[in-house]
Amino acid sequence: RNGQVRIWSVPSGKMHVEIGAGPNRIRTLAYLPEGDKLVSAGEG
């Protein structure tokens, strides 16, 4: 809901990076095939 994306490293569980994607609720996330890019989209 708060427009923040949080990414953790697996399996350590350490937070890797946090992304501020704006004020609108994010509904869906997807990694692109190579794994180096993340797509976010939602109510904005």
PDB file of all heavy atoms in Angstrom:
ATOM      1  N   ARG A   1       0.789  -1.225   0.000  1.00  0.00           N
ATOM      2  CA  ARG A   1       0.000   0.000   0.000  1.00  0.00           C
ATOM      3  C   ARG A   1       0.825   1.281   0.000  1.00  0.00           C
ATOM      4  O   ARG A   1       0.457   2.265  -0.634  1.00  0.00           O
ATOM      5  CB  ARG A   1      -0.934  -0.007   1.211  1.00  0.00           C
ATOM      6  CG  ARG A   1      -1.847   1.219   1.299  1.00  0.00           C
ATOM      7  CD  ARG A   1      -2.869   1.061   2.383  1.00  0.00           C
ATOM      8  NE  ARG A   1      -3.778   2.192   2.398  1.00  0.00           N
ATOM      9  CZ  ARG A   1      -4.883   2.236   3.120  1.00  0.00           C
ATOM     10  NH1 ARG A   1      -5.205   1.210   3.892  1.00  0.00           N
ATOM     11  NH2 ARG A   1      -5.663   3.287   3.089  1.00  0.00           N
ATOM     12  N   ASN A   2       1.943   1.302   0.710  1.00  0.00           N
ATOM     13  CA  ASN A   2       2.655   2.570   0.885  1.00  0.00           C
ATOM     14  C   ASN A   2       3.616   2.909  -0.250  1.00  0.00           C
ATOM     15  O   ASN A   2       4.349   3.895  -0.171  1.00  0.00           O
ATOM     16  CB  ASN A   2       3.394   2.587   2.224  1.00  0.00           C
ATOM     17  CG  ASN A   2       4.539   1.597   2.291  1.00  0.00           C
ATOM     18  OD1 ASN A   2       4.815   0.892   1.318  1.00  0.00           O
ATOM     19  ND2 ASN A   2       5.199   1.520   3.427  1.00  0.00           N
ATOM     20  N   GLY A   3       3.629   2.118  -1.298  1.00  0.00           N
ATOM     21  CA  GLY A   3       4.464   2.431  -2.453  1.00  0.00           C
ATOM     22  C   GLY A   3       5.936   2.122  -2.285  1.00  0.00           C
ATOM     23  O   GLY A   3       6.743   2.499  -3.132  1.00  0.00           O
ATOM     24  N   GLN A   4       6.284   1.415  -1.224  1.00  0.00           N
ATOM     25  CA  GLN A   4       7.671   1.035  -0.990  1.00  0.00           C
ATOM     26  C   GLN A   4       7.910  -0.405  -1.447  1.00  0.00           C
ATOM     27  O   GLN A   4       7.088  -1.285  -1.189  1.00  0.00           O
ATOM     28  CB  GLN A   4       8.011   1.144   0.498  1.00  0.00           C
ATOM     29  CG  GLN A   4       7.889   2.546   1.065  1.00  0.00           C
ATOM     30  CD  GLN A   4       8.967   3.471   0.544  1.00  0.00           C
ATOM     31  OE1 GLN A   4      10.138   3.140   0.555  1.00  0.00           O
ATOM     32  NE2 GLN A   4       8.563   4.649   0.083  1.00  0.00           N
ATOM     33  N   VAL A   5       9.029  -0.625  -2.116  1.00  0.00           N
ATOM     34  CA  VAL A   5       9.465  -1.973  -2.503  1.00  0.00           C
ATOM     35  C   VAL A   5      10.652  -2.328  -1.627  1.00  0.00           C
ATOM     36  O   VAL A   5      11.630  -1.571  -1.574  1.00  0.00           O
ATOM     37  CB  VAL A   5       9.865  -2.044  -3.989  1.00  0.00           C
ATOM     38  CG1 VAL A   5      10.271  -3.474  -4.355  1.00  0.00           C
ATOM     39  CG2 VAL A   5       8.733  -1.562  -4.884  1.00  0.00           C
ATOM     40  N   ARG A   6      10.591  -3.453  -0.954  1.00  0.00           N
ATOM     41  CA  ARG A   6      11.704  -3.900  -0.118  1.00  0.00           C
ATOM     42  C   ARG A   6      12.244  -5.208  -0.683  1.00  0.00           C
ATOM     43  O   ARG A   6      11.469  -6.128  -0.957  1.00  0.00           O
ATOM     44  CB  ARG A   6      11.238  -4.067   1.325  1.00  0.00           C
ATOM     45  CG  ARG A   6      12.371  -4.243   2.334  1.00  0.00           C
ATOM     46  CD  ARG A   6      11.863  -4.062   3.760  1.00  0.00           C
ATOM     47  NE  ARG A   6      11.556  -2.658   4.044  1.00  0.00           N
ATOM     48  CZ  ARG A   6      11.103  -2.221   5.210  1.00  0.00           C
ATOM     49  NH1 ARG A   6      10.893  -3.078   6.202  1.00  0.00           N
ATOM     50  NH2 ARG A   6      10.848  -0.936   5.387  1.00  0.00           N
ATOM     51  N   ILE A   7      13.570  -5.274  -0.867  1.00  0.00           N
ATOM     52  CA  ILE A   7      14.218  -6.456  -1.427  1.00  0.00           C
ATOM     53  C   ILE A   7      15.202  -7.007  -0.403  1.00  0.00           C
ATOM     54  O   ILE A   7      16.021  -6.266   0.143  1.00  0.00           O
ATOM     55  CB  ILE A   7      14.955  -6.113  -2.737  1.00  0.00           C
ATOM     56  CG1 ILE A   7      13.983  -5.542  -3.782  1.00  0.00           C
ATOM     57  CG2 ILE A   7      15.657  -7.349  -3.300  1.00  0.00           C
ATOM     58  CD1 ILE A   7      14.667  -5.070  -5.053  1.00  0.00           C
ATOM     59  N   TRP A   8      15.087  -8.306  -0.150  1.00  0.00           N
ATOM     60  CA  TRP A   8      15.997  -8.985   0.767  1.00  0.00           C
ATOM     61  C   TRP A   8      16.892  -9.965   0.000  1.00  0.00           C
ATOM     62  O   TRP A   8      16.508 -10.491  -1.044  1.00  0.00           O
ATOM     63  CB  TRP A   8      15.229  -9.798   1.807  1.00  0.00           C
ATOM     64  CG  TRP A   8      14.435  -8.990   2.777  1.00  0.00           C
ATOM     65  CD1 TRP A   8      14.840  -8.490   3.981  1.00  0.00           C
ATOM     66  CD2 TRP A   8      13.066  -8.592   2.632  1.00  0.00           C
ATOM     67  NE1 TRP A   8      13.814  -7.816   4.599  1.00  0.00           N
ATOM     68  CE2 TRP A   8      12.722  -7.863   3.800  1.00  0.00           C
ATOM     69  CE3 TRP A   8      12.113  -8.786   1.639  1.00  0.00           C
ATOM     70  CZ2 TRP A   8      11.452  -7.323   3.987  1.00  0.00           C
ATOM     71  CZ3 TRP A   8      10.852  -8.249   1.817  1.00  0.00           C
ATOM     72  CH2 TRP A   8      10.530  -7.526   2.990  1.00  0.00           C
ATOM     73  N   SER A   9      18.052 -10.238   0.567  1.00  0.00           N
ATOM     74  CA  SER A   9      18.896 -11.312   0.081  1.00  0.00           C
ATOM     75  C   SER A   9      18.415 -12.624   0.683  1.00  0.00           C
ATOM     76  O   SER A   9      18.025 -12.680   1.848  1.00  0.00           O
ATOM     77  CB  SER A   9      20.361 -11.076   0.471  1.00  0.00           C
ATOM     78  OG  SER A   9      20.856  -9.906  -0.141  1.00  0.00           O
ATOM     79  N   VAL A  10      18.415 -13.662  -0.127  1.00  0.00           N
ATOM     80  CA  VAL A  10      17.992 -14.997   0.307  1.00  0.00           C
ATOM     81  C   VAL A  10      19.220 -15.906   0.229  1.00  0.00           C
ATOM     82  O   VAL A  10      19.960 -15.855  -0.753  1.00  0.00           O
ATOM     83  CB  VAL A  10      16.868 -15.531  -0.612  1.00  0.00           C
ATOM     84  CG1 VAL A  10      16.430 -16.921  -0.190  1.00  0.00           C
ATOM     85  CG2 VAL A  10      15.672 -14.572  -0.607  1.00  0.00           C
ATOM     86  N   PRO A  11      19.505 -16.729   1.244  1.00  0.00           N
ATOM     87  CA  PRO A  11      18.668 -17.030   2.412  1.00  0.00           C
ATOM     88  C   PRO A  11      18.993 -16.227   3.668  1.00  0.00           C
ATOM     89  O   PRO A  11      18.420 -16.484   4.714  1.00  0.00           O
ATOM     90  CB  PRO A  11      18.976 -18.504   2.653  1.00  0.00           C
ATOM     91  CG  PRO A  11      20.412 -18.620   2.278  1.00  0.00           C
ATOM     92  CD  PRO A  11      20.630 -17.672   1.123  1.00  0.00           C
ATOM     93  N   SER A  12      19.908 -15.253   3.593  1.00  0.00           N
ATOM     94  CA  SER A  12      20.344 -14.564   4.809  1.00  0.00           C
ATOM     95  C   SER A  12      19.221 -13.767   5.461  1.00  0.00           C
ATOM     96  O   SER A  12      19.214 -13.574   6.681  1.00  0.00           O
ATOM     97  CB  SER A  12      21.521 -13.639   4.489  1.00  0.00           C
ATOM     98  OG  SER A  12      21.102 -12.529   3.722  1.00  0.00           O
ATOM     99  N   GLY A  13      18.284 -13.258   4.660  1.00  0.00           N
ATOM    100  CA  GLY A  13      17.210 -12.433   5.197  1.00  0.00           C
ATOM    101  C   GLY A  13      17.619 -11.000   5.453  1.00  0.00           C
ATOM    102  O   GLY A  13      16.858 -10.221   6.038  1.00  0.00           O
ATOM    103  N   LYS A  14      18.816 -10.610   5.005  1.00  0.00           N
ATOM    104  CA  LYS A  14      19.260  -9.230   5.177  1.00  0.00           C
ATOM    105  C   LYS A  14      18.650  -8.349   4.092  1.00  0.00           C
ATOM    106  O   LYS A  14      18.601  -8.737   2.924  1.00  0.00           O
ATOM    107  CB  LYS A  14      20.786  -9.155   5.104  1.00  0.00           C
ATOM    108  CG  LYS A  14      21.485  -9.836   6.269  1.00  0.00           C
ATOM    109  CD  LYS A  14      22.985  -9.692   6.151  1.00  0.00           C
ATOM    110  CE  LYS A  14      23.690 -10.356   7.331  1.00  0.00           C
ATOM    111  NZ  LYS A  14      25.173 -10.228   7.223  1.00  0.00           N
ATOM    112  N   MET A  15      18.159  -7.165   4.500  1.00  0.00           N
ATOM    113  CA  MET A  15      17.567  -6.270   3.520  1.00  0.00           C
ATOM    114  C   MET A  15      18.643  -5.778   2.561  1.00  0.00           C
ATOM    115  O   MET A  15      19.685  -5.270   2.993  1.00  0.00           O
ATOM    116  CB  MET A  15      16.873  -5.089   4.190  1.00  0.00           C
ATOM    117  CG  MET A  15      15.973  -4.320   3.232  1.00  0.00           C
ATOM    118  SD  MET A  15      15.017  -3.020   4.018  1.00  0.00           S
ATOM    119  CE  MET A  15      16.281  -1.787   4.260  1.00  0.00           C
ATOM    120  N   HIS A  16      18.373  -5.934   1.276  1.00  0.00           N
ATOM    121  CA  HIS A  16      19.351  -5.573   0.247  1.00  0.00           C
ATOM    122  C   HIS A  16      19.173  -4.122  -0.172  1.00  0.00           C
ATOM    123  O   HIS A  16      20.143  -3.359  -0.243  1.00  0.00           O
ATOM    124  CB  HIS A  16      19.192  -6.507  -0.947  1.00  0.00           C
ATOM    125  CG  HIS A  16      20.088  -6.191  -2.091  1.00  0.00           C
ATOM    126  ND1 HIS A  16      21.445  -6.427  -2.068  1.00  0.00           N
ATOM    127  CD2 HIS A  16      19.822  -5.630  -3.309  1.00  0.00           C
ATOM    128  CE1 HIS A  16      21.980  -6.046  -3.209  1.00  0.00           C
ATOM    129  NE2 HIS A  16      21.024  -5.554  -3.979  1.00  0.00           N
ATOM    130  N   VAL A  17      17.929  -3.727  -0.460  1.00  0.00           N
ATOM    131  CA  VAL A  17      17.660  -2.356  -0.906  1.00  0.00           C
ATOM    132  C   VAL A  17      16.177  -2.065  -0.699  1.00  0.00           C
ATOM    133  O   VAL A  17      15.342  -2.982  -0.709  1.00  0.00           O
ATOM    134  CB  VAL A  17      18.059  -2.167  -2.391  1.00  0.00           C
ATOM    135  CG1 VAL A  17      17.149  -2.958  -3.322  1.00  0.00           C
ATOM    136  CG2 VAL A  17      18.062  -0.687  -2.780  1.00  0.00           C
ATOM    137  N   GLU A  18      15.853  -0.799  -0.489  1.00  0.00           N
ATOM    138  CA  GLU A  18      14.454  -0.363  -0.418  1.00  0.00           C
ATOM    139  C   GLU A  18      14.246   0.720  -1.458  1.00  0.00           C
ATOM    140  O   GLU A  18      15.083   1.622  -1.604  1.00  0.00           O
ATOM    141  CB  GLU A  18      14.101   0.144   0.975  1.00  0.00           C
ATOM    142  CG  GLU A  18      12.622   0.446   1.138  1.00  0.00           C
ATOM    143  CD  GLU A  18      12.204   0.551   2.596  1.00  0.00           C
ATOM    144  OE1 GLU A  18      12.943   1.200   3.371  1.00  0.00           O
ATOM    145  OE2 GLU A  18      11.163  -0.008   2.960  1.00  0.00           O
ATOM    146  N   ILE A  19      13.133   0.633  -2.174  1.00  0.00           N
ATOM    147  CA  ILE A  19      12.849   1.526  -3.288  1.00  0.00           C
ATOM    148  C   ILE A  19      11.572   2.297  -2.998  1.00  0.00           C
ATOM    149  O   ILE A  19      10.543   1.707  -2.658  1.00  0.00           O
ATOM    150  CB  ILE A  19      12.676   0.728  -4.600  1.00  0.00           C
ATOM    151  CG1 ILE A  19      13.942  -0.071  -4.917  1.00  0.00           C
ATOM    152  CG2 ILE A  19      12.321   1.651  -5.759  1.00  0.00           C
ATOM    153  CD1 ILE A  19      13.753  -1.105  -6.017  1.00  0.00           C
ATOM    154  N   GLY A  20      11.632   3.598  -3.128  1.00  0.00           N
ATOM    155  CA  GLY A  20      10.440   4.425  -3.018  1.00  0.00           C
ATOM    156  C   GLY A  20       9.824   4.621  -4.386  1.00  0.00           C
ATOM    157  O   GLY A  20      10.344   5.385  -5.203  1.00  0.00           O
ATOM    158  N   ALA A  21       8.719   3.934  -4.637  1.00  0.00           N
ATOM    159  CA  ALA A  21       8.102   3.962  -5.970  1.00  0.00           C
ATOM    160  C   ALA A  21       6.935   4.943  -6.053  1.00  0.00           C
ATOM    161  O   ALA A  21       6.179   4.913  -7.013  1.00  0.00           O
ATOM    162  CB  ALA A  21       7.627   2.565  -6.347  1.00  0.00           C
ATOM    163  N   GLY A  22       6.775   5.808  -5.050  1.00  0.00           N
ATOM    164  CA  GLY A  22       5.701   6.791  -5.080  1.00  0.00           C
ATOM    165  C   GLY A  22       4.662   6.528  -4.011  1.00  0.00           C
ATOM    166  O   GLY A  22       4.755   5.565  -3.248  1.00  0.00           O
ATOM    167  N   PRO A  23       3.620   7.363  -3.930  1.00  0.00           N
ATOM    168  CA  PRO A  23       2.646   7.277  -2.842  1.00  0.00           C
ATOM    169  C   PRO A  23       1.538   6.250  -3.046  1.00  0.00           C
ATOM    170  O   PRO A  23       0.753   6.006  -2.124  1.00  0.00           O
ATOM    171  CB  PRO A  23       2.058   8.688  -2.806  1.00  0.00           C
ATOM    172  CG  PRO A  23       2.124   9.146  -4.244  1.00  0.00           C
ATOM    173  CD  PRO A  23       3.378   8.539  -4.801  1.00  0.00           C
ATOM    174  N   ASN A  24       1.447   5.674  -4.220  1.00  0.00           N
ATOM    175  CA  ASN A  24       0.302   4.817  -4.549  1.00  0.00           C
ATOM    176  C   ASN A  24       0.570   3.350  -4.243  1.00  0.00           C
ATOM    177  O   ASN A  24       1.713   2.888  -4.281  1.00  0.00           O
ATOM    178  CB  ASN A  24      -0.053   4.974  -6.029  1.00  0.00           C
ATOM    179  CG  ASN A  24      -0.476   6.381  -6.370  1.00  0.00           C
ATOM    180  OD1 ASN A  24      -1.493   6.875  -5.901  1.00  0.00           O
ATOM    181  ND2 ASN A  24       0.339   7.052  -7.183  1.00  0.00           N
ATOM    182  N   ARG A  25      -0.514   2.617  -3.966  1.00  0.00           N
ATOM    183  CA  ARG A  25      -0.421   1.190  -3.654  1.00  0.00           C
ATOM    184  C   ARG A  25       0.161   0.412  -4.829  1.00  0.00           C
ATOM    185  O   ARG A  25      -0.266   0.566  -5.968  1.00  0.00           O
ATOM    186  CB  ARG A  25      -1.798   0.638  -3.314  1.00  0.00           C
ATOM    187  CG  ARG A  25      -1.802  -0.840  -2.948  1.00  0.00           C
ATOM    188  CD  ARG A  25      -3.213  -1.358  -2.734  1.00  0.00           C
ATOM    189  NE  ARG A  25      -3.724  -1.011  -1.424  1.00  0.00           N
ATOM    190  CZ  ARG A  25      -4.745  -0.183  -1.209  1.00  0.00           C
ATOM    191  NH1 ARG A  25      -5.327   0.425  -2.245  1.00  0.00           N
ATOM    192  NH2 ARG A  25      -5.176   0.074   0.010  1.00  0.00           N
ATOM    193  N   ILE A  26       1.155  -0.406  -4.542  1.00  0.00           N
ATOM    194  CA  ILE A  26       1.715  -1.310  -5.543  1.00  0.00           C
ATOM    195  C   ILE A  26       0.942  -2.615  -5.481  1.00  0.00           C
ATOM    196  O   ILE A  26       0.801  -3.218  -4.420  1.00  0.00           O
ATOM    197  CB  ILE A  26       3.217  -1.547  -5.286  1.00  0.00           C
ATOM    198  CG1 ILE A  26       3.999  -0.239  -5.452  1.00  0.00           C
ATOM    199  CG2 ILE A  26       3.773  -2.614  -6.248  1.00  0.00           C
ATOM    200  CD1 ILE A  26       5.441  -0.334  -5.017  1.00  0.00           C
ATOM    201  N   ARG A  27       0.446  -3.046  -6.612  1.00  0.00           N
ATOM    202  CA  ARG A  27      -0.368  -4.259  -6.685  1.00  0.00           C
ATOM    203  C   ARG A  27       0.407  -5.478  -7.173  1.00  0.00           C
ATOM    204  O   ARG A  27       0.018  -6.606  -6.887  1.00  0.00           O
ATOM    205  CB  ARG A  27      -1.553  -4.027  -7.619  1.00  0.00           C
ATOM    206  CG  ARG A  27      -2.590  -3.050  -7.115  1.00  0.00           C
ATOM    207  CD  ARG A  27      -3.552  -3.740  -6.200  1.00  0.00           C
ATOM    208  NE  ARG A  27      -4.682  -2.881  -5.845  1.00  0.00           N
ATOM    209  CZ  ARG A  27      -5.759  -3.328  -5.226  1.00  0.00           C
ATOM    210  NH1 ARG A  27      -5.856  -4.614  -4.908  1.00  0.00           N
ATOM    211  NH2 ARG A  27      -6.740  -2.511  -4.917  1.00  0.00           N
ATOM    212  N   THR A  28       1.474  -5.253  -7.930  1.00  0.00           N
ATOM    213  CA  THR A  28       2.110  -6.393  -8.575  1.00  0.00           C
ATOM    214  C   THR A  28       3.592  -6.115  -8.824  1.00  0.00           C
ATOM    215  O   THR A  28       3.986  -4.979  -9.105  1.00  0.00           O
ATOM    216  CB  THR A  28       1.391  -6.728  -9.906  1.00  0.00           C
ATOM    217  OG1 THR A  28       2.005  -7.851 -10.528  1.00  0.00           O
ATOM    218  CG2 THR A  28       1.377  -5.555 -10.854  1.00  0.00           C
ATOM    219  N   LEU A  29       4.391  -7.161  -8.690  1.00  0.00           N
ATOM    220  CA  LEU A  29       5.832  -7.122  -8.926  1.00  0.00           C
ATOM    221  C   LEU A  29       6.223  -8.274  -9.835  1.00  0.00           C
ATOM    222  O   LEU A  29       5.593  -9.330  -9.810  1.00  0.00           O
ATOM    223  CB  LEU A  29       6.606  -7.266  -7.615  1.00  0.00           C
ATOM    224  CG  LEU A  29       6.464  -6.205  -6.541  1.00  0.00           C
ATOM    225  CD1 LEU A  29       7.107  -6.699  -5.249  1.00  0.00           C
ATOM    226  CD2 LEU A  29       7.096  -4.895  -6.985  1.00  0.00           C
ATOM    227  N   ALA A  30       7.297  -8.088 -10.594  1.00  0.00           N
ATOM    228  CA  ALA A  30       7.828  -9.176 -11.422  1.00  0.00           C
ATOM    229  C   ALA A  30       9.278  -8.899 -11.743  1.00  0.00           C
ATOM    230  O   ALA A  30       9.648  -7.756 -12.043  1.00  0.00           O
ATOM    231  CB  ALA A  30       7.033  -9.327 -12.713  1.00  0.00           C
ATOM    232  N   TYR A  31      10.111  -9.924 -11.664  1.00  0.00           N
ATOM    233  CA  TYR A  31      11.495  -9.825 -12.121  1.00  0.00           C
ATOM    234  C   TYR A  31      11.545 -10.113 -13.616  1.00  0.00           C
ATOM    235  O   TYR A  31      10.834 -11.001 -14.118  1.00  0.00           O
ATOM    236  CB  TYR A  31      12.380 -10.835 -11.402  1.00  0.00           C
ATOM    237  CG  TYR A  31      12.879 -10.383 -10.051  1.00  0.00           C
ATOM    238  CD1 TYR A  31      12.136 -10.635  -8.903  1.00  0.00           C
ATOM    239  CD2 TYR A  31      14.096  -9.705  -9.922  1.00  0.00           C
ATOM    240  CE1 TYR A  31      12.593 -10.223  -7.647  1.00  0.00           C
ATOM    241  CE2 TYR A  31      14.556  -9.295  -8.693  1.00  0.00           C
ATOM    242  CZ  TYR A  31      13.809  -9.549  -7.551  1.00  0.00           C
ATOM    243  OH  TYR A  31      14.259  -9.143  -6.334  1.00  0.00           O
ATOM    244  N   LEU A  32      12.404  -9.391 -14.329  1.00  0.00           N
ATOM    245  CA  LEU A  32      12.674  -9.716 -15.722  1.00  0.00           C
ATOM    246  C   LEU A  32      13.588 -10.943 -15.775  1.00  0.00           C
ATOM    247  O   LEU A  32      14.237 -11.281 -14.780  1.00  0.00           O
ATOM    248  CB  LEU A  32      13.295  -8.518 -16.422  1.00  0.00           C
ATOM    249  CG  LEU A  32      12.360  -7.307 -16.559  1.00  0.00           C
ATOM    250  CD1 LEU A  32      13.072  -6.140 -17.204  1.00  0.00           C
ATOM    251  CD2 LEU A  32      11.095  -7.649 -17.338  1.00  0.00           C
ATOM    252  N   PRO A  33      13.630 -11.652 -16.912  1.00  0.00           N
ATOM    253  CA  PRO A  33      14.266 -12.976 -16.961  1.00  0.00           C
ATOM    254  C   PRO A  33      15.699 -13.043 -16.472  1.00  0.00           C
ATOM    255  O   PRO A  33      16.102 -14.035 -15.872  1.00  0.00           O
ATOM    256  CB  PRO A  33      14.159 -13.353 -18.449  1.00  0.00           C
ATOM    257  CG  PRO A  33      12.947 -12.637 -18.931  1.00  0.00           C
ATOM    258  CD  PRO A  33      12.944 -11.336 -18.190  1.00  0.00           C
ATOM    259  N   GLU A  34      16.502 -12.019 -16.714  1.00  0.00           N
ATOM    260  CA  GLU A  34      17.897 -12.068 -16.293  1.00  0.00           C
ATOM    261  C   GLU A  34      18.073 -11.819 -14.800  1.00  0.00           C
ATOM    262  O   GLU A  34      19.158 -12.027 -14.252  1.00  0.00           O
ATOM    263  CB  GLU A  34      18.721 -11.067 -17.102  1.00  0.00           C
ATOM    264  CG  GLU A  34      18.812 -11.443 -18.581  1.00  0.00           C
ATOM    265  CD  GLU A  34      19.660 -10.472 -19.371  1.00  0.00           C
ATOM    266  OE1 GLU A  34      20.132  -9.475 -18.770  1.00  0.00           O
ATOM    267  OE2 GLU A  34      19.854 -10.692 -20.579  1.00  0.00           O
ATOM    268  N   GLY A  35      17.020 -11.353 -14.137  1.00  0.00           N
ATOM    269  CA  GLY A  35      17.045 -11.192 -12.697  1.00  0.00           C
ATOM    270  C   GLY A  35      17.655  -9.906 -12.193  1.00  0.00           C
ATOM    271  O   GLY A  35      17.663  -9.651 -10.990  1.00  0.00           O
ATOM    272  N   ASP A  36      18.160  -9.065 -13.083  1.00  0.00           N
ATOM    273  CA  ASP A  36      18.806  -7.823 -12.638  1.00  0.00           C
ATOM    274  C   ASP A  36      17.855  -6.638 -12.611  1.00  0.00           C
ATOM    275  O   ASP A  36      18.228  -5.551 -12.167  1.00  0.00           O
ATOM    276  CB  ASP A  36      20.007  -7.502 -13.532  1.00  0.00           C
ATOM    277  CG  ASP A  36      19.615  -7.315 -14.998  1.00  0.00           C
ATOM    278  OD1 ASP A  36      18.536  -7.815 -15.404  1.00  0.00           O
ATOM    279  OD2 ASP A  36      20.387  -6.677 -15.738  1.00  0.00           O
ATOM    280  N   LYS A  37      16.620  -6.834 -13.086  1.00  0.00           N
ATOM    281  CA  LYS A  37      15.637  -5.760 -13.106  1.00  0.00           C
ATOM    282  C   LYS A  37      14.314  -6.248 -12.507  1.00  0.00           C
ATOM    283  O   LYS A  37      13.903  -7.390 -12.722  1.00  0.00           O
ATOM    284  CB  LYS A  37      15.410  -5.240 -14.527  1.00  0.00           C
ATOM    285  CG  LYS A  37      16.638  -4.588 -15.151  1.00  0.00           C
ATOM    286  CD  LYS A  37      16.335  -4.090 -16.552  1.00  0.00           C
ATOM    287  CE  LYS A  37      17.567  -3.449 -17.176  1.00  0.00           C
ATOM    288  NZ  LYS A  37      18.654  -4.421 -17.384  1.00  0.00           N
ATOM    289  N   LEU A  38      13.663  -5.333 -11.771  1.00  0.00           N
ATOM    290  CA  LEU A  38      12.390  -5.620 -11.114  1.00  0.00           C
ATOM    291  C   LEU A  38      11.351  -4.628 -11.620  1.00  0.00           C
ATOM    292  O   LEU A  38      11.613  -3.421 -11.688  1.00  0.00           O
ATOM    293  CB  LEU A  38      12.537  -5.491  -9.598  1.00  0.00           C
ATOM    294  CG  LEU A  38      11.282  -5.710  -8.764  1.00  0.00           C
ATOM    295  CD1 LEU A  38      10.885  -7.185  -8.765  1.00  0.00           C
ATOM    296  CD2 LEU A  38      11.501  -5.214  -7.334  1.00  0.00           C
ATOM    297  N   VAL A  39      10.171  -5.131 -11.952  1.00  0.00           N
ATOM    298  CA  VAL A  39       9.078  -4.289 -12.442  1.00  0.00           C
ATOM    299  C   VAL A  39       8.046  -4.142 -11.335  1.00  0.00           C
ATOM    300  O   VAL A  39       7.683  -5.123 -10.675  1.00  0.00           O
ATOM    301  CB  VAL A  39       8.411  -4.904 -13.689  1.00  0.00           C
ATOM    302  CG1 VAL A  39       7.458  -3.898 -14.333  1.00  0.00           C
ATOM    303  CG2 VAL A  39       9.449  -5.377 -14.695  1.00  0.00           C
ATOM    304  N   SER A  40       7.566  -2.919 -11.118  1.00  0.00           N
ATOM    305  CA  SER A  40       6.489  -2.676 -10.158  1.00  0.00           C
ATOM    306  C   SER A  40       5.387  -1.875 -10.839  1.00  0.00           C
ATOM    307  O   SER A  40       5.648  -1.032 -11.702  1.00  0.00           O
ATOM    308  CB  SER A  40       7.005  -1.921  -8.928  1.00  0.00           C
ATOM    309  OG  SER A  40       7.365  -0.587  -9.248  1.00  0.00           O
ATOM    310  N   ALA A  41       4.148  -2.146 -10.432  1.00  0.00           N
ATOM    311  CA  ALA A  41       3.008  -1.422 -11.000  1.00  0.00           C
ATOM    312  C   ALA A  41       1.866  -1.469 -10.005  1.00  0.00           C
ATOM    313  O   ALA A  41       1.827  -2.314  -9.111  1.00  0.00           O
ATOM    314  CB  ALA A  41       2.585  -2.033 -12.338  1.00  0.00           C
ATOM    315  N   GLY A  42       0.910  -0.539 -10.184  1.00  0.00           N
ATOM    316  CA  GLY A  42      -0.198  -0.524  -9.239  1.00  0.00           C
ATOM    317  C   GLY A  42      -1.213   0.555  -9.531  1.00  0.00           C
ATOM    318  O   GLY A  42      -1.511   0.868 -10.684  1.00  0.00           O
ATOM    319  N   GLU A  43      -1.697   1.183  -8.454  1.00  0.00           N
ATOM    320  CA  GLU A  43      -2.843   2.076  -8.568  1.00  0.00           C
ATOM    321  C   GLU A  43      -2.487   3.443  -9.116  1.00  0.00           C
ATOM    322  O   GLU A  43      -3.369   4.220  -9.464  1.00  0.00           O
ATOM    323  CB  GLU A  43      -3.535   2.175  -7.213  1.00  0.00           C
ATOM    324  CG  GLU A  43      -4.090   0.836  -6.769  1.00  0.00           C
ATOM    325  CD  GLU A  43      -4.883   0.910  -5.483  1.00  0.00           C
ATOM    326  OE1 GLU A  43      -5.065   2.029  -4.955  1.00  0.00           O
ATOM    327  OE2 GLU A  43      -5.317  -0.156  -5.011  1.00  0.00           O
ATOM    328  N   GLY A  44      -1.198   3.755  -9.196  1.00  0.00           N
ATOM    329  CA  GLY A  44      -0.797   5.024  -9.793  1.00  0.00           C
ATOM    330  C   GLY A  44      -0.717   4.986 -11.303  1.00  0.00           C
ATOM    331  O   GLY A  44      -0.386   5.990 -11.932  1.00  0.00           O
TER     332      GLY A  44
END
